[in-house]
Amino acid sequence: MSTIDWEALRSAADEARTHAYVPYSKFPVGAAALVDDGRIVSGCNVENASYGVTLCAECGLVSSLAMTGGGRLVAFTCVNGDGDILMPCGRCRQLLYEHSAEGMLLETVSGIRTIDEVLPDAFGPRQLAAYAAEHEND
């Protein structure tokens, strides 16, 4: 996966965005990611009248990842209704980190960044595995 086709990912994110359910904010979002097995998964935001249970596009993407066989995310992008790149919020960065391959790349408003750059000092499955390995004989 040395070469990422960012145009294909943006296109998949833009297609996902067309399915967004946004009757309240009118702010459609689409997200797409490359999986370590070569698949592209995507998701869109789905709003709810109670706002608090609104699903971000990243939630839909991770659900699609799980439903289509799992794996680790290698590269990610997210777009708004105009096709402009969006930065995932902190909650979604954590969600992406949980399912990322080490060094996952994100297309951001300030260029290509790694997951560790956009969520420094993150805590997730890799840290839990390292802790378990350290304390295996405790």
C-alpha atoms as a PDB file:
ATOM      1  CA  MET A   1       0.000   0.000   0.000  1.00  0.00           C
ATOM      2  CA  SER A   2       2.862   2.387  -0.739  1.00  0.00           C
ATOM      3  CA  THR A   3       0.811   4.539  -3.152  1.00  0.00           C
ATOM      4  CA  ILE A   4      -2.522   5.943  -2.053  1.00  0.00           C
ATOM      5  CA  ASP A   5      -5.010   6.977  -4.743  1.00  0.00           C
ATOM      6  CA  TRP A   6      -6.341  10.029  -2.903  1.00  0.00           C
ATOM      7  CA  GLU A   7      -8.549  10.970  -5.852  1.00  0.00           C
ATOM      8  CA  ALA A   8     -10.322   7.593  -5.666  1.00  0.00           C
ATOM      9  CA  LEU A   9     -10.792   7.992  -1.908  1.00  0.00           C
ATOM     10  CA  ARG A  10     -12.189  11.523  -2.323  1.00  0.00           C
ATOM     11  CA  SER A  11     -14.527  10.213  -5.029  1.00  0.00           C
ATOM     12  CA  ALA A  12     -15.769   7.426  -2.735  1.00  0.00           C
ATOM     13  CA  ALA A  13     -16.231   9.942   0.099  1.00  0.00           C
ATOM     14  CA  ASP A  14     -18.140  12.272  -2.215  1.00  0.00           C
ATOM     15  CA  GLU A  15     -20.388   9.400  -3.335  1.00  0.00           C
ATOM     16  CA  ALA A  16     -21.049   8.481   0.305  1.00  0.00           C
ATOM     17  CA  ARG A  17     -21.883  12.118   1.040  1.00  0.00           C
ATOM     18  CA  THR A  18     -24.768  11.940  -1.442  1.00  0.00           C
ATOM     19  CA  HIS A  19     -26.487   9.487   0.917  1.00  0.00           C
ATOM     20  CA  ALA A  20     -26.182  11.679   4.027  1.00  0.00           C
ATOM     21  CA  TYR A  21     -29.332  12.293   6.042  1.00  0.00           C
ATOM     22  CA  VAL A  22     -29.000  15.920   7.165  1.00  0.00           C
ATOM     23  CA  PRO A  23     -32.439  17.531   7.490  1.00  0.00           C
ATOM     24  CA  TYR A  24     -31.344  19.723  10.421  1.00  0.00           C
ATOM     25  CA  SER A  25     -27.837  21.006   9.715  1.00  0.00           C
ATOM     26  CA  LYS A  26     -27.975  20.683   5.921  1.00  0.00           C
ATOM     27  CA  PHE A  27     -24.249  19.800   6.220  1.00  0.00           C
ATOM     28  CA  PRO A  28     -23.653  16.494   4.405  1.00  0.00           C
ATOM     29  CA  VAL A  29     -20.409  14.653   5.110  1.00  0.00           C
ATOM     30  CA  GLY A  30     -18.905  11.651   3.395  1.00  0.00           C
ATOM     31  CA  ALA A  31     -15.874   9.664   4.476  1.00  0.00           C
ATOM     32  CA  ALA A  32     -13.844   6.953   2.785  1.00  0.00           C
ATOM     33  CA  ALA A  33     -10.852   4.859   3.772  1.00  0.00           C
ATOM     34  CA  LEU A  34      -8.530   2.337   2.247  1.00  0.00           C
ATOM     35  CA  VAL A  35      -8.341  -0.949   4.154  1.00  0.00           C
ATOM     36  CA  ASP A  36      -5.151  -3.006   4.455  1.00  0.00           C
ATOM     37  CA  ASP A  37      -6.604  -5.632   2.095  1.00  0.00           C
ATOM     38  CA  GLY A  38      -7.231  -3.076  -0.669  1.00  0.00           C
ATOM     39  CA  ARG A  39     -10.972  -2.502  -0.094  1.00  0.00           C
ATOM     40  CA  ILE A  40     -12.418   0.986   0.164  1.00  0.00           C
ATOM     41  CA  VAL A  41     -15.044   1.508   2.853  1.00  0.00           C
ATOM     42  CA  SER A  42     -17.167   4.605   3.226  1.00  0.00           C
ATOM     43  CA  GLY A  43     -19.812   6.244   5.359  1.00  0.00           C
ATOM     44  CA  CYS A  44     -22.032   9.311   5.600  1.00  0.00           C
ATOM     45  CA  ASN A  45     -23.454  11.317   8.458  1.00  0.00           C
ATOM     46  CA  VAL A  46     -26.965  10.504   9.680  1.00  0.00           C
ATOM     47  CA  GLU A  47     -28.621  13.145  11.831  1.00  0.00           C
ATOM     48  CA  ASN A  48     -31.291  12.662  14.472  1.00  0.00           C
ATOM     49  CA  ALA A  49     -33.793  15.137  15.887  1.00  0.00           C
ATOM     50  CA  SER A  50     -32.285  14.606  19.344  1.00  0.00           C
ATOM     51  CA  TYR A  51     -28.850  15.667  17.959  1.00  0.00           C
ATOM     52  CA  GLY A  52     -26.923  13.691  20.585  1.00  0.00           C
ATOM     53  CA  VAL A  53     -27.468  10.421  18.750  1.00  0.00           C
ATOM     54  CA  THR A  54     -26.433  11.783  15.355  1.00  0.00           C
ATOM     55  CA  LEU A  55     -23.943   9.496  13.628  1.00  0.00           C
ATOM     56  CA  CYS A  56     -20.844  10.975  12.054  1.00  0.00           C
ATOM     57  CA  ALA A  57     -19.677   9.762   8.645  1.00  0.00           C
ATOM     58  CA  GLU A  58     -16.730   8.092  10.390  1.00  0.00           C
ATOM     59  CA  CYS A  59     -19.172   5.974  12.447  1.00  0.00           C
ATOM     60  CA  GLY A  60     -20.780   4.710   9.275  1.00  0.00           C
ATOM     61  CA  LEU A  61     -17.366   4.016   7.765  1.00  0.00           C
ATOM     62  CA  VAL A  62     -16.212   1.959  10.754  1.00  0.00           C
ATOM     63  CA  SER A  63     -19.516   0.079  10.769  1.00  0.00           C
ATOM     64  CA  SER A  64     -18.999  -0.714   7.085  1.00  0.00           C
ATOM     65  CA  LEU A  65     -15.463  -1.886   7.887  1.00  0.00           C
ATOM     66  CA  ALA A  66     -16.791  -4.330  10.477  1.00  0.00           C
ATOM     67  CA  MET A  67     -19.680  -5.502   8.282  1.00  0.00           C
ATOM     68  CA  THR A  68     -17.441  -6.221   5.284  1.00  0.00           C
ATOM     69  CA  GLY A  69     -14.742  -8.266   6.964  1.00  0.00           C
ATOM     70  CA  GLY A  70     -12.797  -5.994   9.287  1.00  0.00           C
ATOM     71  CA  GLY A  71      -9.181  -5.114   8.765  1.00  0.00           C
ATOM     72  CA  ARG A  72      -7.099  -2.046   9.467  1.00  0.00           C
ATOM     73  CA  LEU A  73      -7.530   1.400   7.915  1.00  0.00           C
ATOM     74  CA  VAL A  74      -4.496   2.535   5.917  1.00  0.00           C
ATOM     75  CA  ALA A  75      -5.649   5.897   4.505  1.00  0.00           C
ATOM     76  CA  PHE A  76      -8.665   8.136   5.192  1.00  0.00           C
ATOM     77  CA  THR A  77     -10.375  11.206   3.781  1.00  0.00           C
ATOM     78  CA  CYS A  78     -13.546  13.118   4.595  1.00  0.00           C
ATOM     79  CA  VAL A  79     -15.464  15.722   2.537  1.00  0.00           C
ATOM     80  CA  ASN A  80     -18.324  18.174   2.982  1.00  0.00           C
ATOM     81  CA  GLY A  81     -21.163  18.996   0.584  1.00  0.00           C
ATOM     82  CA  ASP A  82     -18.877  21.112  -1.590  1.00  0.00           C
ATOM     83  CA  GLY A  83     -16.258  18.361  -1.802  1.00  0.00           C
ATOM     84  CA  ASP A  84     -13.893  20.239   0.535  1.00  0.00           C
ATOM     85  CA  ILE A  85     -11.654  18.175   2.818  1.00  0.00           C
ATOM     86  CA  LEU A  86     -12.727  18.086   6.472  1.00  0.00           C
ATOM     87  CA  MET A  87     -10.729  17.219   9.583  1.00  0.00           C
ATOM     88  CA  PRO A  88     -12.422  14.585  11.760  1.00  0.00           C
ATOM     89  CA  CYS A  89     -13.410  15.798  15.221  1.00  0.00           C
ATOM     90  CA  GLY A  90     -11.567  14.461  18.269  1.00  0.00           C
ATOM     91  CA  ARG A  91     -14.158  11.741  18.937  1.00  0.00           C
ATOM     92  CA  CYS A  92     -13.886  10.508  15.376  1.00  0.00           C
ATOM     93  CA  ARG A  93     -10.091  10.617  15.454  1.00  0.00           C
ATOM     94  CA  GLN A  94     -10.242   8.236  18.411  1.00  0.00           C
ATOM     95  CA  LEU A  95     -12.697   6.014  16.526  1.00  0.00           C
ATOM     96  CA  LEU A  96     -10.378   5.954  13.500  1.00  0.00           C
ATOM     97  CA  TYR A  97      -7.335   5.260  15.697  1.00  0.00           C
ATOM     98  CA  GLU A  98      -9.051   2.197  17.134  1.00  0.00           C
ATOM     99  CA  HIS A  99      -9.310   0.701  13.640  1.00  0.00           C
ATOM    100  CA  SER A 100      -6.159   2.094  12.058  1.00  0.00           C
ATOM    101  CA  ALA A 101      -3.066   0.381  10.814  1.00  0.00           C
ATOM    102  CA  GLU A 102       0.028   1.822  12.453  1.00  0.00           C
ATOM    103  CA  GLY A 103       0.925   5.021  10.597  1.00  0.00           C
ATOM    104  CA  MET A 104      -2.476   5.401   8.916  1.00  0.00           C
ATOM    105  CA  LEU A 105      -2.551   8.462   6.656  1.00  0.00           C
ATOM    106  CA  LEU A 106      -5.276  11.099   6.754  1.00  0.00           C
ATOM    107  CA  GLU A 107      -5.946  13.733   4.142  1.00  0.00           C
ATOM    108  CA  THR A 108      -6.503  16.881   6.211  1.00  0.00           C
ATOM    109  CA  VAL A 109      -7.112  20.563   5.547  1.00  0.00           C
ATOM    110  CA  SER A 110      -3.380  21.112   6.147  1.00  0.00           C
ATOM    111  CA  GLY A 111      -2.110  18.189   4.047  1.00  0.00           C
ATOM    112  CA  ILE A 112      -1.421  14.496   4.549  1.00  0.00           C
ATOM    113  CA  ARG A 113      -0.849  13.602   8.211  1.00  0.00           C
ATOM    114  CA  THR A 114      -0.468  10.358  10.123  1.00  0.00           C
ATOM    115  CA  ILE A 115      -3.000   9.272  12.725  1.00  0.00           C
ATOM    116  CA  ASP A 116      -0.327   9.860  15.382  1.00  0.00           C
ATOM    117  CA  GLU A 117       0.078  13.467  14.236  1.00  0.00           C
ATOM    118  CA  VAL A 118      -3.642  14.213  14.450  1.00  0.00           C
ATOM    119  CA  LEU A 119      -4.141  12.272  17.692  1.00  0.00           C
ATOM    120  CA  PRO A 120      -0.823  12.446  19.563  1.00  0.00           C
ATOM    121  CA  ASP A 121      -0.266  10.186  22.553  1.00  0.00           C
ATOM    122  CA  ALA A 122      -3.402   8.206  21.696  1.00  0.00           C
ATOM    123  CA  PHE A 123      -4.585   5.236  23.722  1.00  0.00           C
ATOM    124  CA  GLY A 124      -6.026   2.212  22.004  1.00  0.00           C
ATOM    125  CA  PRO A 125      -5.546  -1.448  21.058  1.00  0.00           C
ATOM    126  CA  ARG A 126      -1.789  -1.152  20.423  1.00  0.00           C
ATOM    127  CA  GLN A 127      -1.218   0.282  23.902  1.00  0.00           C
ATOM    128  CA  LEU A 128      -3.393  -2.395  25.513  1.00  0.00           C
ATOM    129  CA  ALA A 129      -1.496  -5.144  23.652  1.00  0.00           C
ATOM    130  CA  ALA A 130       1.862  -3.685  24.738  1.00  0.00           C
ATOM    131  CA  TYR A 131       0.691  -3.516  28.363  1.00  0.00           C
ATOM    132  CA  ALA A 132      -0.597  -7.109  28.242  1.00  0.00           C
ATOM    133  CA  ALA A 133       2.711  -8.316  26.788  1.00  0.00           C
ATOM    134  CA  GLU A 134       4.649  -6.470  29.507  1.00  0.00           C
ATOM    135  CA  HIS A 135       2.558  -8.044  32.255  1.00  0.00           C
ATOM    136  CA  GLU A 136       2.100 -11.493  30.745  1.00  0.00           C
ATOM    137  CA  ASN A 137       3.845 -13.245  33.634  1.00  0.00           C
ATOM    138  CA  ASP A 138       2.374 -11.148  36.466  1.00  0.00           C
END
